[in-house]
PDB file of N, CA and C in Angstrom:
ATOM      1  N   MET A   1      19.668  15.169  -0.618  1.00  0.00           N
ATOM      2  CA  MET A   1      18.734  14.544   0.304  1.00  0.00           C
ATOM      3  C   MET A   1      17.506  15.437   0.436  1.00  0.00           C
ATOM      4  N   ASN A   2      16.329  14.836   0.374  1.00  0.00           N
ATOM      5  CA  ASN A   2      15.083  15.561   0.548  1.00  0.00           C
ATOM      6  C   ASN A   2      14.736  15.611   2.027  1.00  0.00           C
ATOM      7  N   VAL A   3      14.613  16.804   2.566  1.00  0.00           N
ATOM      8  CA  VAL A   3      14.322  16.972   3.988  1.00  0.00           C
ATOM      9  C   VAL A   3      13.191  17.969   4.148  1.00  0.00           C
ATOM     10  N   GLU A   4      12.230  17.656   4.992  1.00  0.00           N
ATOM     11  CA  GLU A   4      11.180  18.586   5.379  1.00  0.00           C
ATOM     12  C   GLU A   4      10.908  18.379   6.854  1.00  0.00           C
ATOM     13  N   HIS A   5      10.555  19.433   7.525  1.00  0.00           N
ATOM     14  CA  HIS A   5      10.197  19.359   8.940  1.00  0.00           C
ATOM     15  C   HIS A   5       8.691  19.492   9.061  1.00  0.00           C
ATOM     16  N   LYS A   6       8.068  18.609   9.818  1.00  0.00           N
ATOM     17  CA  LYS A   6       6.618  18.599   9.993  1.00  0.00           C
ATOM     18  C   LYS A   6       6.290  18.471  11.462  1.00  0.00           C
ATOM     19  N   LYS A   7       5.102  18.940  11.842  1.00  0.00           N
ATOM     20  CA  LYS A   7       4.623  18.804  13.215  1.00  0.00           C
ATOM     21  C   LYS A   7       3.689  17.607  13.313  1.00  0.00           C
ATOM     22  N   ILE A   8       3.726  16.960  14.446  1.00  0.00           N
ATOM     23  CA  ILE A   8       2.808  15.865  14.745  1.00  0.00           C
ATOM     24  C   ILE A   8       1.529  16.491  15.284  1.00  0.00           C
ATOM     25  N   SER A   9       0.373  16.021  14.806  1.00  0.00           N
ATOM     26  CA  SER A   9      -0.905  16.563  15.262  1.00  0.00           C
ATOM     27  C   SER A   9      -1.206  16.095  16.679  1.00  0.00           C
ATOM     28  N   THR A  10      -2.250  16.649  17.276  1.00  0.00           N
ATOM     29  CA  THR A  10      -2.649  16.253  18.625  1.00  0.00           C
ATOM     30  C   THR A  10      -3.063  14.785  18.679  1.00  0.00           C
ATOM     31  N   LYS A  11      -3.418  14.213  17.526  1.00  0.00           N
ATOM     32  CA  LYS A  11      -3.785  12.792  17.453  1.00  0.00           C
ATOM     33  C   LYS A  11      -2.593  11.911  17.092  1.00  0.00           C
ATOM     34  N   GLY A  12      -1.398  12.499  17.045  1.00  0.00           N
ATOM     35  CA  GLY A  12      -0.198  11.731  16.720  1.00  0.00           C
ATOM     36  C   GLY A  12      -0.035  11.472  15.245  1.00  0.00           C
ATOM     37  N   GLN A  13      -0.736  12.237  14.417  1.00  0.00           N
ATOM     38  CA  GLN A  13      -0.684  12.021  12.975  1.00  0.00           C
ATOM     39  C   GLN A  13       0.343  12.934  12.322  1.00  0.00           C
ATOM     40  N   LEU A  14       0.842  12.472  11.195  1.00  0.00           N
ATOM     41  CA  LEU A  14       1.839  13.199  10.422  1.00  0.00           C
ATOM     42  C   LEU A  14       1.408  13.176   8.965  1.00  0.00           C
ATOM     43  N   THR A  15       1.495  14.310   8.291  1.00  0.00           N
ATOM     44  CA  THR A  15       1.175  14.370   6.869  1.00  0.00           C
ATOM     45  C   THR A  15       2.464  14.208   6.072  1.00  0.00           C
ATOM     46  N   ILE A  16       2.457  13.237   5.163  1.00  0.00           N
ATOM     47  CA  ILE A  16       3.604  13.031   4.289  1.00  0.00           C
ATOM     48  C   ILE A  16       3.481  14.034   3.141  1.00  0.00           C
ATOM     49  N   PRO A  17       4.490  14.846   2.918  1.00  0.00           N
ATOM     50  CA  PRO A  17       4.413  15.859   1.862  1.00  0.00           C
ATOM     51  C   PRO A  17       4.088  15.257   0.493  1.00  0.00           C
ATOM     52  N   LYS A  18       3.339  16.015  -0.298  1.00  0.00           N
ATOM     53  CA  LYS A  18       2.891  15.548  -1.610  1.00  0.00           C
ATOM     54  C   LYS A  18       4.056  15.085  -2.484  1.00  0.00           C
ATOM     55  N   ARG A  19       5.149  15.831  -2.505  1.00  0.00           N
ATOM     56  CA  ARG A  19       6.264  15.444  -3.381  1.00  0.00           C
ATOM     57  C   ARG A  19       6.885  14.120  -2.945  1.00  0.00           C
ATOM     58  N   PHE A  20       6.852  13.824  -1.640  1.00  0.00           N
ATOM     59  CA  PHE A  20       7.346  12.533  -1.151  1.00  0.00           C
ATOM     60  C   PHE A  20       6.395  11.422  -1.577  1.00  0.00           C
ATOM     61  N   ARG A  21       5.071  11.661  -1.404  1.00  0.00           N
ATOM     62  CA  ARG A  21       4.076  10.649  -1.797  1.00  0.00           C
ATOM     63  C   ARG A  21       4.165  10.343  -3.285  1.00  0.00           C
ATOM     64  N   GLU A  22       4.323  11.389  -4.087  1.00  0.00           N
ATOM     65  CA  GLU A  22       4.435  11.185  -5.534  1.00  0.00           C
ATOM     66  C   GLU A  22       5.681  10.381  -5.881  1.00  0.00           C
ATOM     67  N   LYS A  23       6.789  10.710  -5.254  1.00  0.00           N
ATOM     68  CA  LYS A  23       8.052  10.007  -5.514  1.00  0.00           C
ATOM     69  C   LYS A  23       7.940   8.519  -5.157  1.00  0.00           C
ATOM     70  N   LEU A  24       7.225   8.222  -4.051  1.00  0.00           N
ATOM     71  CA  LEU A  24       7.083   6.839  -3.583  1.00  0.00           C
ATOM     72  C   LEU A  24       5.825   6.156  -4.122  1.00  0.00           C
ATOM     73  N   ASN A  25       5.041   6.888  -4.919  1.00  0.00           N
ATOM     74  CA  ASN A  25       3.798   6.358  -5.480  1.00  0.00           C
ATOM     75  C   ASN A  25       2.843   5.887  -4.373  1.00  0.00           C
ATOM     76  N   ILE A  26       2.703   6.716  -3.344  1.00  0.00           N
ATOM     77  CA  ILE A  26       1.791   6.430  -2.230  1.00  0.00           C
ATOM     78  C   ILE A  26       0.526   7.240  -2.431  1.00  0.00           C
ATOM     79  N   HIS A  27      -0.627   6.569  -2.315  1.00  0.00           N
ATOM     80  CA  HIS A  27      -1.918   7.213  -2.542  1.00  0.00           C
ATOM     81  C   HIS A  27      -2.825   7.033  -1.322  1.00  0.00           C
ATOM     82  N   GLU A  28      -3.879   7.814  -1.273  1.00  0.00           N
ATOM     83  CA  GLU A  28      -4.847   7.710  -0.180  1.00  0.00           C
ATOM     84  C   GLU A  28      -5.319   6.268  -0.048  1.00  0.00           C
ATOM     85  N   GLY A  29      -5.312   5.762   1.166  1.00  0.00           N
ATOM     86  CA  GLY A  29      -5.752   4.398   1.423  1.00  0.00           C
ATOM     87  C   GLY A  29      -4.645   3.360   1.347  1.00  0.00           C
ATOM     88  N   ASP A  30      -3.506   3.724   0.774  1.00  0.00           N
ATOM     89  CA  ASP A  30      -2.378   2.783   0.715  1.00  0.00           C
ATOM     90  C   ASP A  30      -1.821   2.545   2.113  1.00  0.00           C
ATOM     91  N   GLU A  31      -1.237   1.396   2.299  1.00  0.00           N
ATOM     92  CA  GLU A  31      -0.574   1.091   3.566  1.00  0.00           C
ATOM     93  C   GLU A  31       0.919   1.369   3.422  1.00  0.00           C
ATOM     94  N   VAL A  32       1.520   1.764   4.536  1.00  0.00           N
ATOM     95  CA  VAL A  32       2.965   1.972   4.559  1.00  0.00           C
ATOM     96  C   VAL A  32       3.548   1.125   5.673  1.00  0.00           C
ATOM     97  N   THR A  33       4.830   0.871   5.579  1.00  0.00           N
ATOM     98  CA  THR A  33       5.554   0.144   6.602  1.00  0.00           C
ATOM     99  C   THR A  33       6.403   1.144   7.368  1.00  0.00           C
ATOM    100  N   LEU A  34       6.323   1.114   8.706  1.00  0.00           N
ATOM    101  CA  LEU A  34       7.139   1.963   9.558  1.00  0.00           C
ATOM    102  C   LEU A  34       8.216   1.104  10.185  1.00  0.00           C
ATOM    103  N   VAL A  35       9.451   1.550  10.069  1.00  0.00           N
ATOM    104  CA  VAL A  35      10.579   0.813  10.620  1.00  0.00           C
ATOM    105  C   VAL A  35      11.261   1.709  11.646  1.00  0.00           C
ATOM    106  N   LEU A  36      11.314   1.253  12.892  1.00  0.00           N
ATOM    107  CA  LEU A  36      11.964   2.004  13.952  1.00  0.00           C
ATOM    108  C   LEU A  36      13.446   1.642  13.973  1.00  0.00           C
ATOM    109  N   THR A  37      14.299   2.654  13.833  1.00  0.00           N
ATOM    110  CA  THR A  37      15.748   2.444  13.867  1.00  0.00           C
ATOM    111  C   THR A  37      16.336   3.264  15.009  1.00  0.00           C
ATOM    112  N   GLU A  38      17.606   3.102  15.248  1.00  0.00           N
ATOM    113  CA  GLU A  38      18.266   3.900  16.285  1.00  0.00           C
ATOM    114  C   GLU A  38      18.243   5.387  15.939  1.00  0.00           C
ATOM    115  N   ASP A  39      18.214   5.701  14.643  1.00  0.00           N
ATOM    116  CA  ASP A  39      18.247   7.089  14.191  1.00  0.00           C
ATOM    117  C   ASP A  39      16.871   7.721  14.025  1.00  0.00           C
ATOM    118  N   GLY A  40      15.818   6.932  14.025  1.00  0.00           N
ATOM    119  CA  GLY A  40      14.482   7.487  13.832  1.00  0.00           C
ATOM    120  C   GLY A  40      13.542   6.472  13.222  1.00  0.00           C
ATOM    121  N   ILE A  41      12.631   6.969  12.413  1.00  0.00           N
ATOM    122  CA  ILE A  41      11.615   6.126  11.780  1.00  0.00           C
ATOM    123  C   ILE A  41      11.787   6.190  10.266  1.00  0.00           C
ATOM    124  N   ILE A  42      11.726   5.037   9.627  1.00  0.00           N
ATOM    125  CA  ILE A  42      11.749   4.958   8.166  1.00  0.00           C
ATOM    126  C   ILE A  42      10.327   4.628   7.720  1.00  0.00           C
ATOM    127  N   VAL A  43       9.814   5.377   6.767  1.00  0.00           N
ATOM    128  CA  VAL A  43       8.483   5.124   6.211  1.00  0.00           C
ATOM    129  C   VAL A  43       8.674   4.618   4.787  1.00  0.00           C
ATOM    130  N   LYS A  44       8.121   3.420   4.512  1.00  0.00           N
ATOM    131  CA  LYS A  44       8.260   2.824   3.187  1.00  0.00           C
ATOM    132  C   LYS A  44       6.886   2.394   2.691  1.00  0.00           C
ATOM    133  N   PRO A  45       6.664   2.469   1.390  1.00  0.00           N
ATOM    134  CA  PRO A  45       5.395   1.949   0.870  1.00  0.00           C
ATOM    135  C   PRO A  45       5.334   0.445   1.122  1.00  0.00           C
ATOM    136  N   LYS A  46       4.171  -0.034   1.543  1.00  0.00           N
ATOM    137  CA  LYS A  46       3.997  -1.475   1.727  1.00  0.00           C
ATOM    138  C   LYS A  46       3.838  -2.086   0.343  1.00  0.00           C
ATOM    139  N   ILE A  47       4.695  -3.013   0.030  1.00  0.00           N
ATOM    140  CA  ILE A  47       4.685  -3.617  -1.300  1.00  0.00           C
ATOM    141  C   ILE A  47       4.246  -5.066  -1.188  1.00  0.00           C
ATOM    142  N   SER A  48       3.227  -5.370  -1.949  1.00  0.00           N
ATOM    143  CA  SER A  48       2.822  -6.769  -2.069  1.00  0.00           C
ATOM    144  C   SER A  48       3.013  -7.137  -3.529  1.00  0.00           C
ATOM    145  N   ASN A  49       3.028  -8.389  -3.810  1.00  0.00           N
ATOM    146  CA  ASN A  49       3.232  -8.828  -5.187  1.00  0.00           C
ATOM    147  C   ASN A  49       2.172  -8.265  -6.121  1.00  0.00           C
ATOM    148  N   MET A  50       0.969  -8.084  -5.619  1.00  0.00           N
ATOM    149  CA  MET A  50      -0.125  -7.622  -6.455  1.00  0.00           C
ATOM    150  C   MET A  50      -0.164  -6.103  -6.583  1.00  0.00           C
ATOM    151  N   SER A  51       0.501  -5.382  -5.681  1.00  0.00           N
ATOM    152  CA  SER A  51       0.398  -3.922  -5.704  1.00  0.00           C
ATOM    153  C   SER A  51       0.924  -3.321  -7.001  1.00  0.00           C
ATOM    154  N   ILE A  52       1.882  -3.983  -7.627  1.00  0.00           N
ATOM    155  CA  ILE A  52       2.428  -3.432  -8.869  1.00  0.00           C
ATOM    156  C   ILE A  52       1.443  -3.574 -10.029  1.00  0.00           C
ATOM    157  N   LEU A  53       0.415  -4.387  -9.840  1.00  0.00           N
ATOM    158  CA  LEU A  53      -0.579  -4.601 -10.894  1.00  0.00           C
ATOM    159  C   LEU A  53      -1.829  -3.750 -10.709  1.00  0.00           C
ATOM    160  N   ARG A  54      -1.820  -2.866  -9.707  1.00  0.00           N
ATOM    161  CA  ARG A  54      -2.997  -2.077  -9.383  1.00  0.00           C
ATOM    162  C   ARG A  54      -3.568  -1.398 -10.634  1.00  0.00           C
ATOM    163  N   GLY A  55      -4.842  -1.665 -10.881  1.00  0.00           N
ATOM    164  CA  GLY A  55      -5.542  -0.994 -11.962  1.00  0.00           C
ATOM    165  C   GLY A  55      -5.262  -1.522 -13.349  1.00  0.00           C
ATOM    166  N   LEU A  56      -4.319  -2.426 -13.488  1.00  0.00           N
ATOM    167  CA  LEU A  56      -3.925  -2.896 -14.811  1.00  0.00           C
ATOM    168  C   LEU A  56      -5.091  -3.538 -15.565  1.00  0.00           C
ATOM    169  N   LEU A  57      -5.874  -4.354 -14.883  1.00  0.00           N
ATOM    170  CA  LEU A  57      -6.961  -5.089 -15.549  1.00  0.00           C
ATOM    171  C   LEU A  57      -8.340  -4.664 -15.065  1.00  0.00           C
ATOM    172  N   LYS A  58      -8.457  -3.522 -14.427  1.00  0.00           N
ATOM    173  CA  LYS A  58      -9.720  -3.146 -13.791  1.00  0.00           C
ATOM    174  C   LYS A  58     -10.887  -3.073 -14.764  1.00  0.00           C
ATOM    175  N   ASP A  59     -10.629  -2.776 -16.024  1.00  0.00           N
ATOM    176  CA  ASP A  59     -11.718  -2.677 -16.992  1.00  0.00           C
ATOM    177  C   ASP A  59     -11.989  -3.983 -17.720  1.00  0.00           C
ATOM    178  N   THR A  60     -11.130  -4.983 -17.517  1.00  0.00           N
ATOM    179  CA  THR A  60     -11.293  -6.220 -18.271  1.00  0.00           C
ATOM    180  C   THR A  60     -11.618  -7.428 -17.403  1.00  0.00           C
ATOM    181  N   VAL A  61     -11.497  -7.310 -16.089  1.00  0.00           N
ATOM    182  CA  VAL A  61     -11.736  -8.443 -15.204  1.00  0.00           C
ATOM    183  C   VAL A  61     -12.900  -8.131 -14.276  1.00  0.00           C
ATOM    184  N   ASP A  62     -13.860  -9.055 -14.215  1.00  0.00           N
ATOM    185  CA  ASP A  62     -14.956  -8.932 -13.258  1.00  0.00           C
ATOM    186  C   ASP A  62     -14.451  -9.503 -11.936  1.00  0.00           C
ATOM    187  N   LEU A  63     -14.218  -8.633 -10.964  1.00  0.00           N
ATOM    188  CA  LEU A  63     -13.602  -9.067  -9.710  1.00  0.00           C
ATOM    189  C   LEU A  63     -14.457 -10.062  -8.946  1.00  0.00           C
ATOM    190  N   ASP A  64     -15.777  -9.926  -9.000  1.00  0.00           N
ATOM    191  CA  ASP A  64     -16.644 -10.889  -8.308  1.00  0.00           C
ATOM    192  C   ASP A  64     -16.519 -12.276  -8.922  1.00  0.00           C
ATOM    193  N   LYS A  65     -16.484 -12.346 -10.252  1.00  0.00           N
ATOM    194  CA  LYS A  65     -16.321 -13.639 -10.921  1.00  0.00           C
ATOM    195  C   LYS A  65     -14.945 -14.225 -10.625  1.00  0.00           C
ATOM    196  N   ALA A  66     -13.928 -13.382 -10.621  1.00  0.00           N
ATOM    197  CA  ALA A  66     -12.574 -13.854 -10.336  1.00  0.00           C
ATOM    198  C   ALA A  66     -12.495 -14.420  -8.921  1.00  0.00           C
ATOM    199  N   LYS A  67     -13.092 -13.720  -7.967  1.00  0.00           N
ATOM    200  CA  LYS A  67     -13.080 -14.186  -6.582  1.00  0.00           C
ATOM    201  C   LYS A  67     -13.801 -15.521  -6.450  1.00  0.00           C
ATOM    202  N   SER A  68     -14.957 -15.652  -7.094  1.00  0.00           N
ATOM    203  CA  SER A  68     -15.704 -16.914  -7.058  1.00  0.00           C
ATOM    204  C   SER A  68     -14.892 -18.052  -7.659  1.00  0.00           C
ATOM    205  N   PHE A  69     -14.232 -17.777  -8.775  1.00  0.00           N
ATOM    206  CA  PHE A  69     -13.404 -18.791  -9.420  1.00  0.00           C
ATOM    207  C   PHE A  69     -12.272 -19.244  -8.502  1.00  0.00           C
ATOM    208  N   ILE A  70     -11.595 -18.303  -7.886  1.00  0.00           N
ATOM    209  CA  ILE A  70     -10.480 -18.635  -6.988  1.00  0.00           C
ATOM    210  C   ILE A  70     -10.969 -19.461  -5.805  1.00  0.00           C
ATOM    211  N   GLU A  71     -12.087 -19.066  -5.223  1.00  0.00           N
ATOM    212  CA  GLU A  71     -12.637 -19.826  -4.089  1.00  0.00           C
ATOM    213  C   GLU A  71     -13.014 -21.242  -4.492  1.00  0.00           C
ATOM    214  N   SER A  72     -13.605 -21.397  -5.666  1.00  0.00           N
ATOM    215  CA  SER A  72     -13.990 -22.746  -6.099  1.00  0.00           C
ATOM    216  C   SER A  72     -12.758 -23.611  -6.373  1.00  0.00           C
ATOM    217  N   GLU A  73     -11.713 -23.022  -6.932  1.00  0.00           N
ATOM    218  CA  GLU A  73     -10.483 -23.769  -7.174  1.00  0.00           C
ATOM    219  C   GLU A  73      -9.804 -24.164  -5.868  1.00  0.00           C
ATOM    220  N   ARG A  74      -9.823 -23.281  -4.869  1.00  0.00           N
ATOM    221  CA  ARG A  74      -9.231 -23.613  -3.578  1.00  0.00           C
ATOM    222  C   ARG A  74      -9.960 -24.787  -2.933  1.00  0.00           C
ATOM    223  N   LYS A  75     -11.276 -24.814  -3.049  1.00  0.00           N
ATOM    224  CA  LYS A  75     -12.061 -25.905  -2.473  1.00  0.00           C
ATOM    225  C   LYS A  75     -11.684 -27.241  -3.109  1.00  0.00           C
ATOM    226  N   LYS A  76     -11.389 -27.249  -4.391  1.00  0.00           N
ATOM    227  CA  LYS A  76     -11.019 -28.482  -5.098  1.00  0.00           C
ATOM    228  C   LYS A  76      -9.699 -29.051  -4.578  1.00  0.00           C
ATOM    229  N   TRP A  77      -8.813 -28.196  -4.111  1.00  0.00           N
ATOM    230  CA  TRP A  77      -7.493 -28.633  -3.673  1.00  0.00           C
ATOM    231  C   TRP A  77      -7.422 -28.970  -2.195  1.00  0.00           C
ATOM    232  N   ARG A  78      -8.478 -28.694  -1.450  1.00  0.00           N
ATOM    233  CA  ARG A  78      -8.463 -29.004  -0.023  1.00  0.00           C
ATOM    234  C   ARG A  78      -8.586 -30.499   0.197  1.00  0.00           C
ATOM    235  N   ILE A  79      -7.897 -30.962   1.203  1.00  0.00           N
ATOM    236  CA  ILE A  79      -7.912 -32.400   1.528  1.00  0.00           C
ATOM    237  C   ILE A  79      -8.878 -32.643   2.654  1.00  0.00           C
TER     238      ILE A  79
END
């Protein structure tokens, strides 16, 4: 079991150790899920269906064009 003891800052913040972040693939700006249990708090990476695709097509897809396309398609399906 990986265990580390950390102090909470005056602002209530906690730093997740680098080796934990690397193991969970958590990066700056990522969201995490906090689960309160009887034994304490569980911190888990927030997983969305798209998160596993992060960066996969960043050099091949124009995000502005993709967003415009999606919006136009949604408008076609509205009743």
